């Protein structure tokens, strides 16, 4: 039960945070910098696969240690996981694409660290209380 609670809590927390961020940043931050590189419409299936896998990663790499050592550990591991995952995406794009904004790389890495730390903390709290 603990892992189901953790997964659902992480999914809800990360989903809400990312929906708020992408709702604003899609048109105001990404589109002006990425112009022709963005798809004309959102593709749901790759997003769902990413979120399902990423939430499992949050639970394994941040919530699991957080349950053993506390929310601070979950937050730290979440921040590290988020920064590393988002850095992988952004720095690979920066290394391989003709045009990739350094601003996007820096902001994305910070966002990944923040959102993942928050989601891991909430999931650890929920799993501790409800799991």
Protein backbone atom coordinates (compact mmCIF):
# COMPACT_ATOMS: atom_id res chain seq x y z
CA UNK A 1 0.00 0.00 0.00
CA UNK A 2 2.87 2.38 0.79
CA UNK A 3 4.16 2.27 -2.80
CA UNK A 4 0.73 2.79 -4.32
CA UNK A 5 0.22 5.87 -2.12
CA UNK A 6 3.72 7.14 -2.97
CA UNK A 7 3.24 6.63 -6.71
CA UNK A 8 -0.17 8.31 -6.78
CA UNK A 9 0.99 11.22 -4.60
CA UNK A 10 4.10 11.74 -6.74
CA UNK A 11 2.04 11.54 -9.94
CA UNK A 12 -0.53 14.05 -8.70
CA UNK A 13 2.07 16.46 -7.32
CA UNK A 14 4.37 16.31 -10.33
CA UNK A 15 1.41 16.37 -12.72
CA UNK A 16 -0.05 19.51 -11.18
CA UNK A 17 3.30 21.27 -11.04
CA UNK A 18 4.20 20.36 -14.61
CA UNK A 19 0.73 21.28 -15.92
CA UNK A 20 1.01 24.72 -14.32
CA UNK A 21 4.56 25.19 -15.62
CA UNK A 22 3.88 23.94 -19.14
CA UNK A 23 0.60 25.83 -19.29
CA UNK A 24 2.53 29.06 -18.91
CA UNK A 25 5.94 28.18 -20.31
CA UNK A 26 4.78 26.44 -23.49
CA UNK A 27 3.73 29.64 -25.20
CA UNK A 28 5.67 32.20 -23.18
CA UNK A 29 9.05 30.53 -22.71
CA UNK A 30 9.60 27.54 -25.01
CA UNK A 31 7.82 28.53 -28.24
CA UNK A 32 9.64 31.88 -28.65
CA UNK A 33 13.01 30.14 -28.21
CA UNK A 34 12.36 26.90 -30.08
CA UNK A 35 10.15 28.28 -32.87
CA UNK A 36 10.15 25.63 -35.64
CA UNK A 37 11.47 22.76 -33.50
CA UNK A 38 8.20 22.26 -31.60
CA UNK A 39 5.49 19.91 -32.87
CA UNK A 40 2.30 21.51 -34.12
CA UNK A 41 0.29 19.65 -31.50
CA UNK A 42 0.90 17.86 -28.23
CA UNK A 43 1.47 14.08 -28.47
CA UNK A 44 -0.17 12.39 -25.50
CA UNK A 45 1.30 8.86 -25.72
CA UNK A 46 5.02 9.77 -25.42
CA UNK A 47 4.11 12.11 -22.55
CA UNK A 48 2.23 9.37 -20.70
CA UNK A 49 5.13 6.93 -21.14
CA UNK A 50 7.56 9.55 -19.83
CA UNK A 51 5.41 10.43 -16.81
CA UNK A 52 4.76 6.79 -15.88
CA UNK A 53 8.48 5.97 -15.99
CA UNK A 54 9.59 9.21 -14.35
CA UNK A 55 7.17 8.83 -11.44
CA UNK A 56 8.49 5.29 -10.89
CA UNK A 57 12.00 6.78 -10.87
CA UNK A 58 10.98 9.38 -8.29
CA UNK A 59 9.58 6.63 -6.08
CA UNK A 60 12.66 4.42 -6.38
CA UNK A 61 15.45 7.00 -6.25
CA UNK A 62 13.93 9.62 -3.93
CA UNK A 63 10.88 8.36 -2.03
CA UNK A 64 12.39 4.99 -1.08
CA UNK A 65 15.43 6.61 0.61
CA UNK A 66 13.12 9.29 2.00
CA UNK A 67 11.00 6.68 3.74
CA UNK A 68 14.14 5.35 5.43
CA UNK A 69 15.77 8.69 6.28
CA UNK A 70 13.15 11.45 6.14
CA UNK A 71 11.64 14.02 3.83
CA UNK A 72 14.90 15.97 3.61
CA UNK A 73 16.53 12.96 1.99
CA UNK A 74 13.60 12.59 -0.42
CA UNK A 75 13.86 16.27 -1.36
CA UNK A 76 17.63 16.12 -1.90
CA UNK A 77 17.48 12.92 -3.93
CA UNK A 78 14.52 14.29 -5.87
CA UNK A 79 16.41 17.47 -6.69
CA UNK A 80 19.45 15.48 -7.82
CA UNK A 81 17.33 13.10 -9.91
CA UNK A 82 15.42 15.96 -11.50
CA UNK A 83 18.55 17.94 -12.29
CA UNK A 84 20.29 14.90 -13.80
CA UNK A 85 17.32 13.78 -15.89
CA UNK A 86 16.55 17.23 -17.22
CA UNK A 87 20.26 17.90 -17.81
CA UNK A 88 20.48 14.71 -19.87
CA UNK A 89 17.71 15.92 -22.15
CA UNK A 90 18.77 19.55 -22.42
CA UNK A 91 22.52 19.07 -22.69
CA UNK A 92 22.06 16.34 -25.30
CA UNK A 93 19.89 18.73 -27.29
CA UNK A 94 22.43 21.49 -26.87
CA UNK A 95 25.20 19.16 -28.06
CA UNK A 96 23.35 17.79 -31.08
CA UNK A 97 20.99 20.47 -32.38
CA UNK A 98 21.92 23.39 -34.55
CA UNK A 99 20.13 25.77 -32.25
CA UNK A 100 19.38 25.17 -28.61
CA UNK A 101 19.05 27.93 -26.07
CA UNK A 102 21.38 27.87 -23.08
CA UNK A 103 18.62 29.71 -21.23
CA UNK A 104 16.29 26.76 -21.82
CA UNK A 105 18.94 24.35 -20.56
CA UNK A 106 19.51 26.27 -17.33
CA UNK A 107 15.82 26.90 -16.63
CA UNK A 108 14.83 23.29 -17.46
CA UNK A 109 17.47 21.83 -15.15
CA UNK A 110 16.35 24.12 -12.33
CA UNK A 111 12.71 23.26 -13.02
CA UNK A 112 13.43 19.52 -13.06
CA UNK A 113 15.27 19.75 -9.75
CA UNK A 114 12.53 21.83 -8.11
CA UNK A 115 9.50 19.90 -9.38
CA UNK A 116 11.02 16.51 -8.66
CA UNK A 117 12.12 17.54 -5.15
CA UNK A 118 8.63 18.81 -4.35
CA UNK A 119 6.92 15.71 -5.80
CA UNK A 120 9.28 13.39 -3.90
CA UNK A 121 8.70 15.28 -0.65
CA UNK A 122 4.93 15.19 -1.02
CA UNK A 123 4.99 11.51 -1.96
CA UNK A 124 7.20 10.66 1.02
CA UNK A 125 4.93 12.60 3.37
CA UNK A 126 1.81 10.92 1.96
CA UNK A 127 3.34 7.44 2.05
CA UNK A 128 4.46 7.97 5.65
CA UNK A 129 1.02 9.15 6.75
CA UNK A 130 -1.29 7.03 4.60
CA UNK A 131 0.78 4.05 3.45
